[in-house]
Amino acid sequence: MAAEKETKAQPVAEMDTDMELIPEVVDEKDVITLKKPLPNGNNEIIFNFDKINGYVLLKCEKQARKEDPGLTIPLLSTVFQAFVAAAATKLRYDDIAGLSAPDFIAVTNKTANFLASAGR
């Protein structure tokens, strides 16, 4: 009877090793693959930082100050970064702010990296 109750579990050595582990948030050059899709079903956000100019940054800063009146250093503000990300992706600020935490952090980090390195 003990032989009949043996499980058919596959030993670790025989498991499929070709299976790739897929990270939850993939960040490639100008694309972020989202962990959770946007309300419209898109699961990627494509950035176009080339279209960002001084006027866009000033407008983003003005909007960020309305959203967060205590804003002191825009470059360090996730509110400002979210407005810049929205401008670079042609999404609404609410779409960016409504992302899941890991996706929001990935988007604002990418934007912060752009803002920090734009003058170099």
Protein backbone atom coordinates (compact mmCIF):
# COMPACT_ATOMS: atom_id res chain seq x y z
CA MET A 1 0.00 0.00 0.00
CA ALA A 2 2.87 2.38 0.70
CA ALA A 3 4.01 2.01 -2.91
CA GLU A 4 0.54 3.02 -4.15
CA LYS A 5 0.63 6.32 -2.21
CA GLU A 6 3.92 7.51 -3.70
CA THR A 7 3.61 10.94 -5.23
CA LYS A 8 4.61 11.64 -8.79
CA ALA A 9 6.55 14.80 -7.91
CA GLN A 10 9.30 15.56 -10.33
CA PRO A 11 12.80 15.67 -8.80
CA VAL A 12 14.46 19.08 -9.04
CA ALA A 13 17.18 17.71 -11.32
CA GLU A 14 14.56 16.64 -13.88
CA MET A 15 12.61 19.90 -13.95
CA ASP A 16 12.54 21.99 -17.12
CA THR A 17 15.57 24.25 -16.85
CA ASP A 18 14.77 26.09 -20.09
CA MET A 19 12.04 28.03 -18.29
CA GLU A 20 13.02 31.70 -18.06
CA LEU A 21 12.32 33.76 -14.98
CA ILE A 22 10.53 36.92 -16.03
CA PRO A 23 10.98 39.96 -13.77
CA GLU A 24 7.86 41.80 -12.74
CA VAL A 25 9.02 45.15 -14.10
CA VAL A 26 11.33 45.17 -17.11
CA ASP A 27 13.08 48.43 -17.90
CA GLU A 28 14.55 48.68 -21.38
CA LYS A 29 15.91 51.87 -22.88
CA ASP A 30 12.69 53.87 -23.38
CA VAL A 31 10.12 51.21 -22.49
CA ILE A 32 8.81 49.94 -19.17
CA THR A 33 6.76 46.77 -19.13
CA LEU A 34 4.17 47.11 -16.42
CA LYS A 35 3.39 44.55 -13.77
CA LYS A 36 -0.28 45.53 -14.02
CA PRO A 37 -1.69 46.93 -17.27
CA LEU A 38 -3.13 50.40 -17.68
CA PRO A 39 -6.94 50.77 -17.67
CA ASN A 40 -6.86 50.73 -21.50
CA GLY A 41 -5.12 47.33 -21.43
CA ASN A 42 -1.64 48.50 -22.48
CA ASN A 43 1.09 46.80 -20.51
CA GLU A 44 3.97 48.95 -21.75
CA ILE A 45 4.81 52.59 -21.28
CA ILE A 46 6.99 54.15 -23.97
CA PHE A 47 8.92 57.30 -23.08
CA ASN A 48 9.92 60.00 -25.54
CA PHE A 49 12.14 62.33 -23.53
CA ASP A 50 13.30 64.04 -26.75
CA LYS A 51 10.04 65.97 -26.89
CA ILE A 52 10.58 67.44 -23.39
CA ASN A 53 11.81 71.04 -23.49
CA GLY A 54 12.05 73.89 -20.99
CA TYR A 55 8.44 74.96 -21.51
CA VAL A 56 7.21 71.45 -20.75
CA LEU A 57 9.35 71.25 -17.60
CA LEU A 58 8.11 74.65 -16.40
CA LYS A 59 4.50 73.62 -16.99
CA CYS A 60 5.10 70.34 -15.15
CA GLU A 61 6.64 72.22 -12.24
CA LYS A 62 3.68 74.62 -12.10
CA GLN A 63 1.22 71.70 -12.10
CA ALA A 64 3.25 69.87 -9.45
CA ARG A 65 3.22 72.94 -7.20
CA LYS A 66 -0.58 73.10 -7.49
CA GLU A 67 -0.79 69.41 -6.56
CA ASP A 68 1.78 69.75 -3.76
CA PRO A 69 2.02 73.35 -2.44
CA GLY A 70 4.88 72.36 -0.08
CA LEU A 71 7.09 71.32 -3.00
CA THR A 72 10.60 72.69 -2.50
CA ILE A 73 12.91 70.78 -4.86
CA PRO A 74 11.04 69.67 -8.00
CA LEU A 75 13.72 67.22 -9.19
CA LEU A 76 13.27 65.18 -6.00
CA SER A 77 9.48 65.26 -6.05
CA THR A 78 7.60 62.19 -7.27
CA VAL A 79 4.69 64.51 -8.09
CA PHE A 80 6.91 66.52 -10.45
CA GLN A 81 8.44 63.32 -11.84
CA ALA A 82 4.94 61.93 -12.47
CA PHE A 83 3.95 65.07 -14.42
CA VAL A 84 7.14 64.85 -16.50
CA ALA A 85 6.54 61.13 -17.08
CA ALA A 86 3.00 61.91 -18.23
CA ALA A 87 4.36 64.48 -20.70
CA ALA A 88 7.03 62.07 -21.98
CA THR A 89 4.56 59.21 -22.46
CA LYS A 90 1.48 61.09 -23.70
CA LEU A 91 -0.46 59.70 -20.74
CA ARG A 92 -2.51 61.60 -18.21
CA TYR A 93 -1.03 62.40 -14.80
CA ASP A 94 -3.87 60.36 -13.26
CA ASP A 95 -2.82 57.32 -15.31
CA ILE A 96 0.73 57.63 -13.97
CA ALA A 97 -0.40 58.26 -10.38
CA GLY A 98 -2.82 55.34 -10.61
CA LEU A 99 -0.13 52.78 -11.44
CA SER A 100 0.64 50.03 -8.96
CA ALA A 101 3.42 50.96 -6.54
CA PRO A 102 6.16 48.91 -8.29
CA ASP A 103 5.15 50.33 -11.68
CA PHE A 104 4.90 53.90 -10.34
CA ILE A 105 8.35 53.60 -8.78
CA ALA A 106 9.80 52.24 -12.04
CA VAL A 107 8.26 55.13 -14.01
CA THR A 108 9.34 57.85 -11.59
CA ASN A 109 12.84 56.36 -11.29
CA LYS A 110 13.23 56.38 -15.08
CA THR A 111 12.05 60.00 -15.13
CA ALA A 112 14.34 60.97 -12.25
CA ASN A 113 17.28 59.41 -14.10
CA PHE A 114 16.39 61.45 -17.19
CA LEU A 115 16.10 64.65 -15.15
CA ALA A 116 19.40 64.03 -13.34
CA SER A 117 21.34 63.21 -16.49
CA ALA A 118 19.72 65.57 -19.00
CA GLY A 119 22.36 68.25 -18.52
CA ARG A 120 25.30 65.89 -19.01
